[in-house]
Protein backbone atom coordinates (compact mmCIF):
# COMPACT_ATOMS: atom_id res chain seq x y z
CA UNK A 1 0.01 -0.01 0.03
CA UNK A 2 1.42 3.44 -1.00
CA UNK A 3 0.55 5.21 2.27
CA UNK A 4 2.53 2.74 4.52
CA UNK A 5 6.00 4.25 4.24
CA UNK A 6 4.64 7.76 4.89
CA UNK A 7 2.68 6.49 7.91
CA UNK A 8 5.87 4.75 9.18
CA UNK A 9 7.89 7.95 8.70
CA UNK A 10 5.22 9.88 10.65
CA UNK A 11 5.23 7.39 13.53
CA UNK A 12 9.06 7.28 13.55
CA UNK A 13 9.01 11.17 13.90
CA UNK A 14 6.44 11.00 16.68
CA UNK A 15 8.40 8.33 18.41
CA UNK A 16 11.57 10.27 18.05
CA UNK A 17 9.89 13.38 19.63
CA UNK A 18 8.52 11.30 22.48
CA UNK A 19 11.89 9.72 23.31
CA UNK A 20 13.64 13.11 23.10
CA UNK A 21 11.17 14.71 25.52
CA UNK A 22 11.64 11.86 27.87
CA UNK A 23 15.38 12.07 27.44
CA UNK A 24 15.33 15.82 28.14
CA UNK A 25 13.23 15.21 31.27
CA UNK A 26 15.88 12.62 32.56
CA UNK A 27 18.83 14.85 31.55
CA UNK A 28 17.49 17.87 33.41
CA UNK A 29 16.01 15.69 36.27
CA UNK A 30 12.54 17.06 35.80
CA UNK A 31 9.56 15.11 36.91
CA UNK A 32 6.30 14.95 35.07
CA UNK A 33 4.77 16.86 37.91
CA UNK A 34 7.41 19.62 37.66
CA UNK A 35 7.15 19.74 33.86
CA UNK A 36 3.35 19.94 34.14
CA UNK A 37 3.62 22.93 36.50
CA UNK A 38 6.19 24.75 34.35
CA UNK A 39 4.31 24.13 30.99
CA UNK A 40 0.73 24.16 32.24
CA UNK A 41 0.24 20.85 30.36
CA UNK A 42 -1.47 18.26 32.49
CA UNK A 43 0.53 15.22 33.49
CA UNK A 44 -1.82 12.77 31.72
CA UNK A 45 -1.20 14.64 28.43
CA UNK A 46 2.51 14.72 29.03
CA UNK A 47 2.61 10.94 29.75
CA UNK A 48 0.68 10.43 26.52
CA UNK A 49 2.96 12.67 24.46
CA UNK A 50 6.00 10.67 25.91
CA UNK A 51 4.25 7.57 24.81
CA UNK A 52 3.72 8.93 21.30
CA UNK A 53 0.08 8.47 21.91
CA UNK A 54 -1.22 12.10 21.82
CA UNK A 55 -1.72 14.74 19.24
CA UNK A 56 -0.49 18.00 20.85
CA UNK A 57 -0.67 21.52 19.33
CA UNK A 58 2.45 23.32 18.23
CA UNK A 59 1.80 25.64 21.01
CA UNK A 60 1.93 22.81 23.58
CA UNK A 61 5.19 21.48 22.04
CA UNK A 62 6.59 24.99 22.16
CA UNK A 63 5.86 25.24 25.93
CA UNK A 64 7.64 21.88 26.42
CA UNK A 65 10.60 22.93 24.43
CA UNK A 66 10.77 26.24 26.26
CA UNK A 67 10.81 24.45 29.65
CA UNK A 68 14.10 22.79 28.50
CA UNK A 69 15.39 25.96 26.84
CA UNK A 70 15.07 24.20 23.54
CA UNK A 71 13.31 24.62 20.21
CA UNK A 72 10.69 22.14 18.89
CA UNK A 73 13.15 21.37 16.14
CA UNK A 74 15.56 20.26 18.74
CA UNK A 75 12.97 18.10 20.37
CA UNK A 76 12.69 16.39 17.03
CA UNK A 77 16.45 15.78 17.05
CA UNK A 78 17.97 18.79 15.35
CA UNK A 79 21.37 19.51 16.92
CA UNK A 80 21.42 22.14 19.62
CA UNK A 81 21.99 25.50 17.99
CA UNK A 82 22.06 24.11 14.48
CA UNK A 83 18.83 25.98 13.44
CA UNK A 84 19.02 29.75 12.86
CA UNK A 85 17.49 31.51 15.72
CA UNK A 86 14.10 32.90 15.23
CA UNK A 87 11.85 35.45 16.88
CA UNK A 88 8.89 33.72 15.27
CA UNK A 89 6.84 31.22 17.08
CA UNK A 90 6.50 27.66 15.76
CA UNK A 91 3.05 27.98 14.13
CA UNK A 92 4.30 31.17 12.20
CA UNK A 93 7.47 29.27 11.10
CA UNK A 94 5.35 26.32 9.96
CA UNK A 95 2.98 28.61 8.00
CA UNK A 96 5.87 30.40 6.32
CA UNK A 97 7.66 27.15 5.45
CA UNK A 98 4.55 25.50 4.15
CA UNK A 99 3.85 28.49 1.76
CA UNK A 100 7.60 28.66 0.86
CA UNK A 101 7.86 24.82 0.06
CA UNK A 102 4.55 24.83 -1.80
CA UNK A 103 5.54 27.72 -3.98
CA UNK A 104 8.99 26.30 -4.61
CA UNK A 105 7.34 23.10 -5.93
CA UNK A 106 4.76 25.25 -7.92
CA UNK A 107 1.89 23.47 -6.01
CA UNK A 108 -1.43 24.92 -5.42
CA UNK A 109 -3.07 24.59 -2.06
CA UNK A 110 -5.22 21.84 -3.61
CA UNK A 111 -2.07 19.93 -4.74
CA UNK A 112 -0.73 20.02 -1.25
CA UNK A 113 -4.04 19.16 0.19
CA UNK A 114 -4.23 16.06 -2.08
CA UNK A 115 -0.70 14.96 -0.96
CA UNK A 116 -1.54 15.29 2.65
CA UNK A 117 -5.15 14.19 2.66
CA UNK A 118 -6.24 17.67 3.96
CA UNK A 119 -8.73 20.09 2.56
CA UNK A 120 -7.35 22.98 0.47
CA UNK A 121 -9.22 25.45 2.60
CA UNK A 122 -7.38 24.04 5.70
CA UNK A 123 -4.06 24.34 4.00
CA UNK A 124 -4.75 27.96 3.16
CA UNK A 125 -5.74 28.68 6.83
CA UNK A 126 -2.48 27.00 7.99
CA UNK A 127 -0.44 29.08 5.57
CA UNK A 128 -2.09 32.35 6.73
CA UNK A 129 -1.73 31.45 10.37
CA UNK A 130 -5.50 31.53 10.79
CA UNK A 131 -5.45 27.85 11.90
CA UNK A 132 -3.27 26.24 14.41
CA UNK A 133 -1.26 23.04 13.71
CA UNK A 134 -1.07 19.77 15.64
CA UNK A 135 1.68 17.18 15.68
CA UNK A 136 -0.33 14.98 13.39
CA UNK A 137 -0.79 17.80 10.88
CA UNK A 138 2.81 18.78 11.05
CA UNK A 139 3.76 15.10 10.32
CA UNK A 140 1.36 14.89 7.38
CA UNK A 141 2.89 18.12 5.98
CA UNK A 142 6.39 16.81 6.27
CA UNK A 143 5.37 13.52 4.54
CA UNK A 144 3.52 15.41 1.88
CA UNK A 145 6.62 17.55 1.03
CA UNK A 146 8.91 14.52 1.66
CA UNK A 147 11.02 16.51 4.05
CA UNK A 148 12.20 16.01 7.68
CA UNK A 149 9.84 17.68 10.04
CA UNK A 150 12.69 19.84 11.26
CA UNK A 151 12.60 21.71 7.98
CA UNK A 152 9.10 22.89 8.77
CA UNK A 153 10.16 24.19 12.19
CA UNK A 154 13.26 26.19 11.22
CA UNK A 155 14.15 29.15 9.21
CA UNK A 156 15.31 28.09 5.77
CA UNK A 157 19.05 28.53 5.09
CA UNK A 158 19.98 31.96 3.82
């Protein structure tokens, strides 16, 4: 089936995120309770994120990354400091990168929607920042563009 490798890549990225959050907690000796208090994300959700069994928003992932003084890209495995610093929040970076990648490929919103099994209107709302993005959506976008999820979360190289 043609969707299986893409599904596997998405679950691999989600698993990588889960493991890296767990590893950061261990490295910084932070309990789930303490992380919950710092991020304002309940412990049950944090446990589910660490089990790769939850679909958090980018805002939630950003709060977790901030708790460890990291970026979301670093939570996905980008080397610390490898991404160009940004004053933009993760949803804005994703919106800009989706639009940039789509235009680079000369795709319409409908073309991207077809590749990601989303609606074209939703793609347009993501690109304009009028709609938030979840982990699952982020992974579908990365699979649709055939890029590592980190590319959607960082400034493109100058």
